[in-house]
Amino acid sequence: MVAAEAVQQWLVTRVSELTGIPPHEVDVEAPIERAGLDSIQMLVLTADLENWLGFRFRGDPLDEFPTIAALARFVAAQGREGRSRN
């Protein structure tokens, strides 16, 4: 199980790496795309998150959870509920 805070920090760091925005300037409550990620970078971010977590999402989680904070809470809840994410 991964805590929401750990997922959020990972996402902030990765968005920072992809965009060049300093981590402290990444807004976790704004849609991730507002950070300046293009569609390819959004796919890379999702794939990297899947690799880090060790599972695959069904569909694109950013469609339903477009902010870093929302996505982090979703991932943490999935771990707590023990749902299959394959």
C-alpha atoms as a PDB file:
ATOM      1  CA  MET A   1       0.000   0.000   0.000  1.00  0.00           C
ATOM      2  CA  VAL A   2       1.270   3.442  -0.915  1.00  0.00           C
ATOM      3  CA  ALA A   3       0.246   6.513   1.072  1.00  0.00           C
ATOM      4  CA  ALA A   4      -1.378   9.400  -0.773  1.00  0.00           C
ATOM      5  CA  GLU A   5       1.423  11.713   0.409  1.00  0.00           C
ATOM      6  CA  ALA A   6       4.085   9.477  -1.154  1.00  0.00           C
ATOM      7  CA  VAL A   7       2.209   9.297  -4.454  1.00  0.00           C
ATOM      8  CA  GLN A   8       1.675  13.047  -4.419  1.00  0.00           C
ATOM      9  CA  GLN A   9       5.360  13.714  -3.802  1.00  0.00           C
ATOM     10  CA  TRP A  10       6.369  11.302  -6.566  1.00  0.00           C
ATOM     11  CA  LEU A  11       3.971  13.020  -8.988  1.00  0.00           C
ATOM     12  CA  VAL A  12       5.219  16.497  -8.040  1.00  0.00           C
ATOM     13  CA  THR A  13       8.808  15.396  -8.611  1.00  0.00           C
ATOM     14  CA  ARG A  14       8.008  13.750 -11.949  1.00  0.00           C
ATOM     15  CA  VAL A  15       5.949  16.706 -13.222  1.00  0.00           C
ATOM     16  CA  SER A  16       8.824  18.968 -12.215  1.00  0.00           C
ATOM     17  CA  GLU A  17      11.282  16.794 -14.158  1.00  0.00           C
ATOM     18  CA  LEU A  18       9.071  16.751 -17.252  1.00  0.00           C
ATOM     19  CA  THR A  19       8.311  20.479 -17.271  1.00  0.00           C
ATOM     20  CA  GLY A  20      11.263  22.166 -15.589  1.00  0.00           C
ATOM     21  CA  ILE A  21       8.935  23.799 -13.057  1.00  0.00           C
ATOM     22  CA  PRO A  22      10.508  23.798  -9.576  1.00  0.00           C
ATOM     23  CA  PRO A  23       8.746  21.230  -7.350  1.00  0.00           C
ATOM     24  CA  HIS A  24       7.568  23.882  -4.894  1.00  0.00           C
ATOM     25  CA  GLU A  25       5.731  25.636  -7.749  1.00  0.00           C
ATOM     26  CA  VAL A  26       3.780  22.571  -8.919  1.00  0.00           C
ATOM     27  CA  ASP A  27       0.148  23.121  -7.885  1.00  0.00           C
ATOM     28  CA  VAL A  28      -1.255  19.795  -6.670  1.00  0.00           C
ATOM     29  CA  GLU A  29      -4.849  21.111  -6.810  1.00  0.00           C
ATOM     30  CA  ALA A  30      -4.706  22.369 -10.412  1.00  0.00           C
ATOM     31  CA  PRO A  31      -5.217  20.064 -13.397  1.00  0.00           C
ATOM     32  CA  ILE A  32      -1.888  18.434 -14.214  1.00  0.00           C
ATOM     33  CA  GLU A  33      -2.071  19.623 -17.816  1.00  0.00           C
ATOM     34  CA  ARG A  34      -1.859  23.241 -16.583  1.00  0.00           C
ATOM     35  CA  ALA A  35       1.746  22.525 -15.633  1.00  0.00           C
ATOM     36  CA  GLY A  36       2.484  22.546 -19.356  1.00  0.00           C
ATOM     37  CA  LEU A  37       2.554  18.832 -20.113  1.00  0.00           C
ATOM     38  CA  ASP A  38       1.679  17.902 -23.675  1.00  0.00           C
ATOM     39  CA  SER A  39      -0.248  14.724 -24.532  1.00  0.00           C
ATOM     40  CA  ILE A  40       2.914  12.640 -24.923  1.00  0.00           C
ATOM     41  CA  GLN A  41       4.248  13.798 -21.552  1.00  0.00           C
ATOM     42  CA  MET A  42       0.883  12.963 -19.957  1.00  0.00           C
ATOM     43  CA  LEU A  43       1.181   9.412 -21.327  1.00  0.00           C
ATOM     44  CA  VAL A  44       4.777   9.197 -20.092  1.00  0.00           C
ATOM     45  CA  LEU A  45       3.701  10.399 -16.656  1.00  0.00           C
ATOM     46  CA  THR A  46       0.950   7.764 -16.451  1.00  0.00           C
ATOM     47  CA  ALA A  47       3.268   4.984 -17.684  1.00  0.00           C
ATOM     48  CA  ASP A  48       5.993   6.026 -15.240  1.00  0.00           C
ATOM     49  CA  LEU A  49       3.455   6.034 -12.397  1.00  0.00           C
ATOM     50  CA  GLU A  50       2.289   2.552 -13.375  1.00  0.00           C
ATOM     51  CA  ASN A  51       5.886   1.331 -13.402  1.00  0.00           C
ATOM     52  CA  TRP A  52       6.595   2.927 -10.026  1.00  0.00           C
ATOM     53  CA  LEU A  53       3.459   1.420  -8.486  1.00  0.00           C
ATOM     54  CA  GLY A  54       3.847  -1.937 -10.228  1.00  0.00           C
ATOM     55  CA  PHE A  55       0.402  -2.141 -11.777  1.00  0.00           C
ATOM     56  CA  ARG A  56      -1.588  -0.953 -14.790  1.00  0.00           C
ATOM     57  CA  PHE A  57      -4.534   1.396 -14.661  1.00  0.00           C
ATOM     58  CA  ARG A  58      -7.742   0.616 -16.489  1.00  0.00           C
ATOM     59  CA  GLY A  59      -8.140   3.503 -18.888  1.00  0.00           C
ATOM     60  CA  ASP A  60      -6.585   6.882 -18.240  1.00  0.00           C
ATOM     61  CA  PRO A  61      -6.793   7.836 -14.552  1.00  0.00           C
ATOM     62  CA  LEU A  62      -6.116  11.478 -15.420  1.00  0.00           C
ATOM     63  CA  ASP A  63      -9.509  11.666 -17.136  1.00  0.00           C
ATOM     64  CA  GLU A  64     -11.291  11.061 -13.841  1.00  0.00           C
ATOM     65  CA  PHE A  65      -8.617  12.385 -11.458  1.00  0.00           C
ATOM     66  CA  PRO A  66      -7.013  15.343 -13.273  1.00  0.00           C
ATOM     67  CA  THR A  67      -5.094  16.838 -10.340  1.00  0.00           C
ATOM     68  CA  ILE A  68      -2.060  15.476  -8.535  1.00  0.00           C
ATOM     69  CA  ALA A  69      -3.907  15.527  -5.211  1.00  0.00           C
ATOM     70  CA  ALA A  70      -6.961  13.691  -6.591  1.00  0.00           C
ATOM     71  CA  LEU A  71      -4.858  11.088  -8.389  1.00  0.00           C
ATOM     72  CA  ALA A  72      -2.755  10.490  -5.263  1.00  0.00           C
ATOM     73  CA  ARG A  73      -5.869   9.981  -3.134  1.00  0.00           C
ATOM     74  CA  PHE A  74      -7.323   7.600  -5.727  1.00  0.00           C
ATOM     75  CA  VAL A  75      -4.156   5.494  -5.867  1.00  0.00           C
ATOM     76  CA  ALA A  76      -3.928   5.336  -2.070  1.00  0.00           C
ATOM     77  CA  ALA A  77      -7.604   4.371  -1.767  1.00  0.00           C
ATOM     78  CA  GLN A  78      -7.154   1.600  -4.313  1.00  0.00           C
ATOM     79  CA  GLY A  79      -4.368   0.153  -2.187  1.00  0.00           C
ATOM     80  CA  ARG A  80      -6.432   0.352   1.001  1.00  0.00           C
ATOM     81  CA  GLU A  81      -9.437  -1.288  -0.644  1.00  0.00           C
ATOM     82  CA  GLY A  82      -7.274  -4.021  -2.154  1.00  0.00           C
ATOM     83  CA  ARG A  83      -8.930  -3.679  -5.541  1.00  0.00           C
ATOM     84  CA  SER A  84      -7.405  -5.262  -8.581  1.00  0.00           C
ATOM     85  CA  ARG A  85      -6.018  -2.626 -10.903  1.00  0.00           C
ATOM     86  CA  ASN A  86      -5.264  -4.909 -13.813  1.00  0.00           C
END
